[in-house]
Amino acid sequence: MSKLSLLLLLFISIIICSVNGQNIDPNRQWNMYRGNYAGGVLDNVHLPETWDVKSGKNIAWKTEIPGMGNSCPIVWDNSVFVTTAVSEGDTGEVQTGIYGSIIPVEDSSIHNWNLYCIEKSTGEIKWERTAHTGVPEQKRHPMSSHANCTPATNGEYVVAFFGSEGLYCYNMEGELQWSKDFGVLKSTFFLVADAEWEFSSSPLIHENVVIIQCDVQENSFIAAYNIKTGEEIWKQNRDEYPGWGTPNIYYDGDRPRVVVNGYKHRGAYDFETGEEIWRMSGGGDIPIPTPIVGNDYIYFNSAHGKVAPIYAIQKNATGDITLAEDETSNEYVKWAKLRGGSYMGTMLLYGNYLYCARWNGRLTCYNALTGEEMYAEKVGGGNSYTSSPVAADGVIYIADNNGVVYSVLAGSIYILLEENKLDDVCMSTPAISDRYLFFRTAGYLIAVSGIQD
């Protein structure tokens, strides 16, 4: 056989492997909340600088998603997944803005909790599955929905969590593999039991194990399940106030740890056994942001109550590492800021800089290694921001609730590059894939891309 023929056969085999999904790099999939282990970063994706929904400029497609959902889209290869809760009785209106009302929405209509699989290149719905039908067990906050948890996938299975309505695992063709009912998960304001705000902690998949964090009014826990069978691997009870954060993974040497945000019990567990490794108390008493990992640290932030801290924790932490009052470091806490943490948004670690976007749109940049503040600027003119920042190719993207997306140059100096409009309310964090930026708005899933049919 000639060298040309061998090269041709090798080329064909590479193409076949790629088509069959055997050549997919899992590290470049946006496979859970905020992408690969909630990092929020994907480089070398070549996104357009500007777009316009009304004119269609650099809009690859716009697909209507029925119902309500503040969950974020995820992407694996050519499939985009998103969840929603559909009801004719719930108007679908979401209140935006910064305000202090804790009163939930009164609604007892029947809902369908759905998972959609959408073709990445066309926006066509490949399949739709209804996981549960019934009256919601918990009320929602006016800024919330009944589908807040972002799904997660490992390319073989996709997991959707709907809080009190259950945890569901499907294969990539939409066939239900297993489900779990945890009863009523009371996601309420810890001081007012009637202030129901709905569940919002998203699942995590690591090494074929599903991790869920359920910090609720009664019987809080964290648990691990076999993704193929749904079998419980371990479960640990938690003495914790209700929280809305998503767990994450870090490595202490070669030992994987599950790390969670919290107020009474921020900390880490052994991934294989569930054994507690370290803990820390204090901070914002309604923890929502997800911990992020990088530069040999785990970064936390939270807000509400007396303080709104940011912490940089060493990966070798053990035991109780709670800071004394007004203390900003100890053996395992590298540095801390007692003010400046965000209430809603997960922070972004990009290179050696840590970015924190607050509810009022104020973006603060820190040196991630030392905690030195580089700048603090209000981004744009929006009055409320619940979407967390993401980044690609040196640009940070932040969306306000009015659907204006701000592009900020990454680095130690604040430079606003562009403002692009989605023309719809936007409460969730975007997803990034090669040449695509996906936004979940109140009514649509929008694909921004320089590639258009």
Protein backbone atom coordinates (compact mmCIF):
# COMPACT_ATOMS: atom_id res chain seq x y z
CA MET A 1 0.00 0.00 0.00
CA SER A 2 1.36 3.44 -0.93
CA LYS A 3 2.13 6.19 1.62
CA LEU A 4 -0.65 8.29 0.07
CA SER A 5 -3.16 5.47 0.62
CA LEU A 6 -2.04 5.06 4.25
CA LEU A 7 -2.38 8.78 4.88
CA LEU A 8 -5.85 8.73 3.30
CA LEU A 9 -6.95 5.82 5.51
CA LEU A 10 -5.58 7.60 8.59
CA PHE A 11 -7.46 10.79 7.67
CA ILE A 12 -10.70 8.84 7.14
CA SER A 13 -10.29 7.04 10.49
CA ILE A 14 -9.80 10.38 12.30
CA ILE A 15 -12.95 11.75 10.67
CA ILE A 16 -14.94 8.64 11.65
CA CYS A 17 -13.73 8.82 15.25
CA SER A 18 -14.68 12.48 15.42
CA VAL A 19 -18.14 11.83 13.97
CA ASN A 20 -18.72 8.97 16.40
CA GLY A 21 -17.86 11.22 19.31
CA GLN A 22 -14.66 9.36 20.21
CA ASN A 23 -12.42 12.37 19.62
CA ILE A 24 -14.29 14.87 21.79
CA ASP A 25 -12.17 16.75 24.31
CA PRO A 26 -14.24 16.78 27.55
CA ASN A 27 -12.26 19.77 28.81
CA ARG A 28 -13.72 21.89 25.98
CA GLN A 29 -17.34 21.01 26.74
CA TRP A 30 -19.59 23.41 28.65
CA ASN A 31 -20.95 20.47 30.59
CA MET A 32 -22.40 22.00 33.78
CA TYR A 33 -23.18 25.34 35.42
CA ARG A 34 -20.50 27.80 34.22
CA GLY A 35 -18.76 25.17 32.08
CA ASN A 36 -15.90 22.85 33.00
CA TYR A 37 -15.99 22.69 36.84
CA ALA A 38 -17.76 26.07 36.98
CA GLY A 39 -14.62 27.80 35.68
CA GLY A 40 -16.53 30.06 33.28
CA VAL A 41 -13.67 30.19 30.74
CA LEU A 42 -13.17 28.73 27.26
CA ASP A 43 -10.47 30.18 25.01
CA ASN A 44 -9.78 29.79 21.27
CA VAL A 45 -13.49 29.98 20.37
CA HIS A 46 -13.45 32.98 18.00
CA LEU A 47 -16.62 34.80 19.00
CA PRO A 48 -17.94 37.89 17.17
CA GLU A 49 -17.32 41.23 18.83
CA THR A 50 -20.82 42.56 18.17
CA TRP A 51 -24.27 41.19 17.50
CA ASP A 52 -27.84 42.40 17.25
CA VAL A 53 -30.91 40.27 17.88
CA LYS A 54 -33.34 42.60 16.08
CA SER A 55 -31.38 42.72 12.82
CA GLY A 56 -30.06 39.18 13.12
CA LYS A 57 -26.44 40.32 12.91
CA ASN A 58 -24.22 37.47 14.13
CA ILE A 59 -27.27 35.62 15.47
CA ALA A 60 -27.04 32.00 14.30
CA TRP A 61 -30.51 31.14 15.60
CA LYS A 62 -33.13 32.00 18.20
CA THR A 63 -35.30 29.17 19.54
CA GLU A 64 -38.36 29.75 21.69
CA ILE A 65 -38.35 27.85 25.01
CA PRO A 66 -41.81 27.58 26.59
CA GLY A 67 -42.42 28.26 30.25
CA MET A 68 -39.99 29.70 32.77
CA GLY A 69 -36.45 28.77 33.72
CA ASN A 70 -33.46 30.57 35.18
CA SER A 71 -31.29 27.51 34.58
CA CYS A 72 -28.31 27.98 32.26
CA PRO A 73 -27.67 26.15 28.98
CA ILE A 74 -24.98 23.48 28.78
CA VAL A 75 -23.24 22.12 25.67
CA TRP A 76 -21.76 18.78 24.70
CA ASP A 77 -20.47 18.43 21.14
CA ASN A 78 -23.44 19.40 18.92
CA SER A 79 -26.13 19.24 21.63
CA VAL A 80 -27.35 22.09 23.84
CA PHE A 81 -29.45 21.22 26.89
CA VAL A 82 -31.77 23.47 28.85
CA THR A 83 -34.58 22.98 31.38
CA THR A 84 -37.87 24.77 31.95
CA ALA A 85 -41.10 24.60 33.94
CA VAL A 86 -44.25 25.12 31.85
CA SER A 87 -47.64 26.19 33.21
CA GLU A 88 -50.63 27.99 31.73
CA GLY A 89 -51.37 29.40 35.19
CA ASP A 90 -47.96 30.98 35.79
CA THR A 91 -47.71 34.12 33.66
CA GLY A 92 -43.99 33.74 33.09
CA GLU A 93 -43.25 37.23 34.29
CA VAL A 94 -40.00 37.67 36.18
CA GLN A 95 -39.38 40.75 38.28
CA THR A 96 -35.99 42.38 37.87
CA GLY A 97 -34.26 45.10 39.84
CA ILE A 98 -32.70 45.42 43.28
CA TYR A 99 -35.30 45.24 46.01
CA GLY A 100 -35.83 43.59 49.38
CA SER A 101 -39.20 41.86 49.07
CA ILE A 102 -39.17 38.29 50.38
CA ILE A 103 -42.80 37.46 49.46
CA PRO A 104 -43.09 34.46 47.10
CA VAL A 105 -45.38 34.16 44.07
CA GLU A 106 -48.77 32.61 44.86
CA ASP A 107 -49.44 29.98 42.22
CA SER A 108 -50.93 26.49 42.50
CA SER A 109 -51.24 25.64 38.82
CA ILE A 110 -50.04 22.36 37.31
CA HIS A 111 -46.54 22.52 35.81
CA ASN A 112 -44.53 20.32 33.47
CA TRP A 113 -40.81 20.15 34.25
CA ASN A 114 -39.07 19.67 30.89
CA LEU A 115 -35.59 18.98 29.57
CA TYR A 116 -34.77 20.06 25.99
CA CYS A 117 -31.99 18.83 23.73
CA ILE A 118 -31.30 21.32 20.93
CA GLU A 119 -29.10 21.04 17.84
CA LYS A 120 -26.17 23.38 18.36
CA SER A 121 -25.71 24.35 14.73
CA THR A 122 -29.38 24.91 13.80
CA GLY A 123 -31.37 25.56 16.98
CA GLU A 124 -33.78 22.74 16.11
CA ILE A 125 -35.23 20.82 19.06
CA LYS A 126 -33.90 17.25 18.81
CA TRP A 127 -35.99 15.95 21.70
CA GLU A 128 -38.03 17.13 24.67
CA ARG A 129 -38.78 15.13 27.81
CA THR A 130 -41.23 15.86 30.62
CA ALA A 131 -39.61 14.69 33.85
CA HIS A 132 -42.50 15.52 36.20
CA THR A 133 -46.03 16.91 36.13
CA GLY A 134 -47.82 18.43 39.12
CA VAL A 135 -48.30 21.42 41.39
CA PRO A 136 -44.95 22.79 42.63
CA GLU A 137 -44.08 21.68 46.15
CA GLN A 138 -42.44 25.04 46.82
CA LYS A 139 -43.31 28.59 45.80
CA ARG A 140 -40.86 30.71 43.83
CA HIS A 141 -39.45 34.18 44.45
CA PRO A 142 -40.58 36.81 41.87
CA MET A 143 -37.01 36.79 40.48
CA SER A 144 -36.90 33.00 40.49
CA SER A 145 -38.47 30.14 38.53
CA HIS A 146 -39.36 26.48 39.13
CA ALA A 147 -36.45 25.40 36.91
CA ASN A 148 -33.36 27.09 38.35
CA CYS A 149 -30.90 24.18 38.44
CA THR A 150 -28.59 23.92 35.43
CA PRO A 151 -28.33 20.36 34.04
CA ALA A 152 -25.01 18.52 33.79
CA THR A 153 -23.65 15.95 31.32
CA ASN A 154 -20.60 13.74 30.79
CA GLY A 155 -21.39 13.02 27.13
CA GLU A 156 -23.06 9.70 27.96
CA TYR A 157 -25.72 10.85 30.39
CA VAL A 158 -27.44 14.15 31.16
CA VAL A 159 -28.77 14.90 34.65
CA ALA A 160 -31.56 17.37 35.41
CA PHE A 161 -32.39 18.41 38.99
CA PHE A 162 -35.72 20.04 39.79
CA GLY A 163 -35.43 20.24 43.59
CA SER A 164 -38.58 18.96 45.29
CA GLU A 165 -39.73 17.56 41.93
CA GLY A 166 -36.77 15.18 41.75
CA LEU A 167 -33.46 14.28 40.15
CA TYR A 168 -33.57 12.67 36.68
CA CYS A 169 -30.89 10.97 34.59
CA TYR A 170 -31.30 10.47 30.82
CA ASN A 171 -29.00 9.10 28.15
CA MET A 172 -28.06 11.35 25.25
CA GLU A 173 -31.04 10.09 23.22
CA GLY A 174 -33.47 11.20 25.93
CA GLU A 175 -34.22 7.79 27.45
CA LEU A 176 -34.81 7.95 31.21
CA GLN A 177 -32.26 5.85 33.10
CA TRP A 178 -33.29 6.53 36.69
CA SER A 179 -34.83 9.16 38.95
CA LYS A 180 -34.89 10.06 42.64
CA ASP A 181 -37.45 11.77 44.85
CA PHE A 182 -36.02 13.59 47.89
CA GLY A 183 -39.36 14.86 49.15
CA VAL A 184 -39.91 18.56 49.80
CA LEU A 185 -36.66 20.53 49.77
CA LYS A 186 -37.58 23.71 51.61
CA SER A 187 -35.59 26.48 49.98
CA THR A 188 -36.66 29.37 52.17
CA PHE A 189 -35.21 32.42 53.87
CA PHE A 190 -33.79 30.96 57.09
CA LEU A 191 -35.44 33.65 59.25
CA VAL A 192 -38.88 33.42 57.59
CA ALA A 193 -40.09 29.91 56.80
CA ASP A 194 -42.93 31.22 54.61
CA ALA A 195 -40.49 33.03 52.32
CA GLU A 196 -40.16 30.23 49.75
CA TRP A 197 -37.72 31.05 46.94
CA GLU A 198 -37.36 27.67 45.11
CA PHE A 199 -34.40 25.35 44.87
CA SER A 200 -31.37 26.31 42.77
CA SER A 201 -28.31 24.13 43.47
CA SER A 202 -27.15 22.46 40.25
CA PRO A 203 -25.73 18.92 39.98
CA LEU A 204 -22.07 18.15 39.37
CA ILE A 205 -20.69 15.11 37.51
CA HIS A 206 -17.17 13.87 38.24
CA GLU A 207 -15.76 10.47 37.23
CA ASN A 208 -19.24 9.01 36.61
CA VAL A 209 -20.52 10.21 39.98
CA VAL A 210 -23.35 12.73 40.43
CA ILE A 211 -22.91 15.12 43.37
CA ILE A 212 -25.79 17.20 44.72
CA GLN A 213 -25.81 19.79 47.51
CA CYS A 214 -29.14 20.30 49.28
CA ASP A 215 -28.88 23.06 51.88
CA VAL A 216 -32.48 23.63 52.91
CA GLN A 217 -34.60 24.59 55.92
CA GLU A 218 -34.77 21.02 57.26
CA ASN A 219 -32.45 18.03 56.87
CA SER A 220 -29.70 19.54 54.70
CA PHE A 221 -27.31 17.08 53.05
CA ILE A 222 -24.71 16.46 50.37
CA ALA A 223 -24.72 13.15 48.50
CA ALA A 224 -23.03 11.16 45.72
CA TYR A 225 -24.74 8.77 43.26
CA ASN A 226 -23.56 6.35 40.59
CA ILE A 227 -24.48 8.03 37.31
CA LYS A 228 -25.22 4.73 35.54
CA THR A 229 -27.54 3.22 38.17
CA GLY A 230 -28.53 6.03 40.57
CA GLU A 231 -27.19 3.97 43.48
CA GLU A 232 -26.22 6.06 46.50
CA ILE A 233 -22.45 6.00 47.12
CA TRP A 234 -22.43 8.22 50.21
CA LYS A 235 -24.50 10.86 51.95
CA GLN A 236 -23.55 13.36 54.64
CA ASN A 237 -25.99 15.40 56.70
CA ARG A 238 -25.23 19.11 57.01
CA ASP A 239 -26.15 21.58 59.76
CA GLU A 240 -26.69 24.52 57.43
CA TYR A 241 -29.02 27.37 56.52
CA PRO A 242 -30.74 27.23 53.13
CA GLY A 243 -28.33 28.03 50.30
CA TRP A 244 -28.41 28.08 46.53
CA GLY A 245 -24.81 27.26 45.60
CA THR A 246 -23.50 24.47 43.37
CA PRO A 247 -20.72 22.09 44.55
CA ASN A 248 -17.35 21.87 42.83
CA ILE A 249 -14.23 19.66 42.69
CA TYR A 250 -10.61 20.37 43.54
CA TYR A 251 -7.55 18.16 44.02
CA ASP A 252 -5.29 18.09 47.06
CA GLY A 253 -2.38 16.35 45.39
CA ASP A 254 -4.01 13.35 43.70
CA ARG A 255 -6.97 13.26 46.10
CA PRO A 256 -10.25 14.67 44.74
CA ARG A 257 -12.37 16.77 47.10
CA VAL A 258 -15.96 17.98 46.86
CA VAL A 259 -16.13 21.62 47.94
CA VAL A 260 -19.26 23.57 48.88
CA ASN A 261 -20.14 27.11 49.85
CA GLY A 262 -22.09 27.75 53.02
CA TYR A 263 -22.60 30.00 56.03
CA LYS A 264 -22.48 27.61 59.00
CA HIS A 265 -20.59 24.91 57.08
CA ARG A 266 -18.47 25.99 54.13
CA GLY A 267 -15.96 23.24 53.42
CA ALA A 268 -14.78 20.10 51.64
CA TYR A 269 -15.50 16.38 51.63
CA ASP A 270 -13.53 13.41 50.36
CA PHE A 271 -14.90 12.59 46.90
CA GLU A 272 -14.74 8.81 47.39
CA THR A 273 -16.03 8.45 50.96
CA GLY A 274 -17.84 11.69 51.84
CA GLU A 275 -15.62 12.15 54.90
CA GLU A 276 -15.33 15.78 55.98
CA ILE A 277 -11.88 17.28 55.27
CA TRP A 278 -12.26 20.85 56.50
CA ARG A 279 -14.89 23.36 57.46
CA MET A 280 -15.31 27.08 57.97
CA SER A 281 -18.21 29.21 59.24
CA GLY A 282 -19.18 32.84 58.75
CA GLY A 283 -19.66 35.10 55.76
CA GLY A 284 -22.87 35.98 53.96
CA ASP A 285 -25.78 34.14 55.54
CA ILE A 286 -27.58 33.44 52.21
CA PRO A 287 -24.80 31.69 50.26
CA ILE A 288 -25.46 31.51 46.51
CA PRO A 289 -22.15 31.70 44.56
CA THR A 290 -20.25 28.54 43.65
CA PRO A 291 -16.63 28.06 44.82
CA ILE A 292 -14.07 28.19 42.00
CA VAL A 293 -10.63 26.63 41.78
CA GLY A 294 -7.25 27.72 40.42
CA ASN A 295 -3.72 28.88 41.29
CA ASP A 296 -3.63 26.21 44.05
CA TYR A 297 -6.53 27.91 45.85
CA ILE A 298 -10.28 27.55 46.26
CA TYR A 299 -12.04 30.92 46.04
CA PHE A 300 -15.31 31.67 47.83
CA ASN A 301 -17.57 34.67 48.03
CA SER A 302 -20.97 35.39 49.53
CA ALA A 303 -23.11 38.25 50.79
CA HIS A 304 -26.13 39.16 52.91
CA GLY A 305 -25.96 40.00 56.59
CA LYS A 306 -23.07 41.69 58.37
CA VAL A 307 -20.29 40.86 55.90
CA ALA A 308 -19.80 40.03 52.22
CA PRO A 309 -16.44 38.28 52.15
CA ILE A 310 -14.09 36.81 49.57
CA TYR A 311 -11.74 34.00 50.67
CA ALA A 312 -8.72 32.31 49.09
CA ILE A 313 -8.31 28.88 50.74
CA GLN A 314 -5.31 26.59 50.33
CA LYS A 315 -6.00 23.15 48.87
CA ASN A 316 -4.23 21.37 51.74
CA ALA A 317 -6.67 22.75 54.34
CA THR A 318 -7.82 20.41 57.12
CA GLY A 319 -9.94 20.78 60.25
CA ASP A 320 -11.79 23.93 61.30
CA ILE A 321 -10.19 26.91 59.54
CA THR A 322 -12.70 29.58 60.61
CA LEU A 323 -11.16 33.04 60.82
CA ALA A 324 -11.24 34.94 64.08
CA GLU A 325 -13.18 38.23 64.08
CA ASP A 326 -11.53 40.81 61.78
CA GLU A 327 -8.83 38.27 60.85
CA THR A 328 -7.99 38.06 57.13
CA SER A 329 -5.62 35.08 57.05
CA ASN A 330 -4.49 32.03 58.99
CA GLU A 331 -2.62 28.78 58.34
CA TYR A 332 -4.95 27.76 55.49
CA VAL A 333 -6.67 31.02 54.51
CA LYS A 334 -4.21 32.74 52.18
CA TRP A 335 -6.14 36.03 52.09
CA ALA A 336 -9.62 37.40 52.71
CA LYS A 337 -11.64 40.52 51.97
CA LEU A 338 -14.39 41.10 54.53
CA ARG A 339 -16.37 43.29 52.11
CA GLY A 340 -16.81 43.01 48.36
CA GLY A 341 -18.33 39.57 47.82
CA SER A 342 -21.34 39.25 45.54
CA TYR A 343 -24.79 38.12 46.62
CA MET A 344 -25.78 36.34 43.39
CA GLY A 345 -22.79 35.97 41.09
CA THR A 346 -20.08 33.32 41.05
CA MET A 347 -16.63 34.87 40.66
CA LEU A 348 -14.44 34.47 37.58
CA LEU A 349 -10.79 33.42 37.75
CA TYR A 350 -9.00 34.29 34.50
CA GLY A 351 -5.24 34.04 34.54
CA ASN A 352 -3.95 35.64 37.73
CA TYR A 353 -6.95 37.91 38.13
CA LEU A 354 -10.13 37.29 40.08
CA TYR A 355 -13.29 39.14 39.01
CA CYS A 356 -16.33 39.63 41.21
CA ALA A 357 -19.52 41.04 39.65
CA ARG A 358 -22.06 42.23 42.19
CA TRP A 359 -25.85 42.49 41.94
CA ASN A 360 -25.63 46.23 41.18
CA GLY A 361 -23.21 45.64 38.28
CA ARG A 362 -20.06 46.73 40.07
CA LEU A 363 -17.13 44.68 38.76
CA THR A 364 -14.08 44.36 41.01
CA CYS A 365 -10.78 42.91 39.83
CA TYR A 366 -8.30 41.43 42.32
CA ASN A 367 -4.85 39.97 42.06
CA ALA A 368 -5.85 36.35 42.66
CA LEU A 369 -2.57 35.50 44.40
CA THR A 370 -2.43 38.41 46.85
CA GLY A 371 -5.96 39.82 47.06
CA GLU A 372 -4.79 43.29 45.96
CA GLU A 373 -7.67 45.27 44.41
CA MET A 374 -6.85 46.33 40.84
CA TYR A 375 -10.07 48.22 40.08
CA ALA A 376 -13.75 48.52 40.97
CA GLU A 377 -16.09 49.90 38.31
CA LYS A 378 -19.80 49.93 37.54
CA VAL A 379 -20.36 48.04 34.28
CA GLY A 380 -22.98 49.62 32.05
CA GLY A 381 -26.27 51.12 33.10
CA GLY A 382 -28.26 48.07 34.21
CA ASN A 383 -29.86 48.18 37.64
CA SER A 384 -29.56 44.46 38.44
CA TYR A 385 -27.28 41.58 37.45
CA THR A 386 -27.90 37.95 38.41
CA SER A 387 -25.87 36.38 35.59
CA SER A 388 -22.30 35.42 36.49
CA PRO A 389 -19.40 36.57 34.30
CA VAL A 390 -17.77 34.25 31.76
CA ALA A 391 -14.71 34.76 29.55
CA ALA A 392 -13.23 33.79 26.19
CA ASP A 393 -10.17 34.94 24.26
CA GLY A 394 -9.33 37.83 26.56
CA VAL A 395 -12.89 39.17 26.87
CA ILE A 396 -15.20 39.01 29.89
CA TYR A 397 -18.96 38.85 29.22
CA ILE A 398 -21.46 40.15 31.79
CA ALA A 399 -25.23 40.31 31.15
CA ASP A 400 -27.62 42.51 33.10
CA ASN A 401 -31.22 41.56 33.77
CA ASN A 402 -32.43 43.85 30.97
CA GLY A 403 -30.57 41.74 28.44
CA VAL A 404 -27.63 44.04 27.76
CA VAL A 405 -24.36 42.12 27.46
CA TYR A 406 -21.18 44.00 28.31
CA SER A 407 -17.80 42.94 26.91
CA VAL A 408 -14.92 43.93 29.20
CA LEU A 409 -11.24 43.53 28.39
CA ALA A 410 -9.59 41.03 30.72
CA GLY A 411 -6.71 42.39 32.77
CA SER A 412 -5.84 44.76 35.57
CA ILE A 413 -7.25 47.89 33.87
CA TYR A 414 -10.98 48.36 33.29
CA ILE A 415 -11.85 48.81 29.60
CA LEU A 416 -15.42 48.40 28.36
CA LEU A 417 -15.27 47.11 24.77
CA GLU A 418 -18.86 46.61 23.60
CA GLU A 419 -22.52 46.65 24.62
CA ASN A 420 -24.80 44.17 22.81
CA LYS A 421 -28.54 43.74 23.36
CA LEU A 422 -30.56 40.53 23.66
CA ASP A 423 -33.94 42.36 23.65
CA ASP A 424 -35.27 40.15 26.44
CA VAL A 425 -34.88 39.66 30.18
CA CYS A 426 -31.76 37.66 31.02
CA MET A 427 -31.39 36.07 34.47
CA SER A 428 -29.01 33.20 33.72
CA THR A 429 -25.32 32.77 32.90
CA PRO A 430 -24.33 32.21 29.25
CA ALA A 431 -22.59 29.14 27.85
CA ILE A 432 -19.58 29.14 25.52
CA SER A 433 -18.70 26.66 22.78
CA ASP A 434 -16.45 26.81 19.73
CA ARG A 435 -17.65 29.87 17.74
CA TYR A 436 -20.86 30.08 19.79
CA LEU A 437 -22.10 32.09 22.77
CA PHE A 438 -25.47 30.89 24.12
CA PHE A 439 -27.86 33.05 26.12
CA ARG A 440 -30.95 31.83 27.96
CA THR A 441 -33.47 34.67 28.13
CA ALA A 442 -37.02 34.78 29.51
CA GLY A 443 -38.45 33.40 26.29
CA TYR A 444 -35.63 32.09 24.14
CA LEU A 445 -32.34 30.31 23.74
CA ILE A 446 -30.17 32.58 21.57
CA ALA A 447 -27.04 31.47 19.72
CA VAL A 448 -24.55 34.26 19.01
CA SER A 449 -22.04 33.31 16.34
CA GLY A 450 -20.24 34.59 13.29
CA ILE A 451 -21.39 31.38 11.61
CA GLN A 452 -24.86 31.80 10.15
CA ASP A 453 -26.89 29.61 7.81
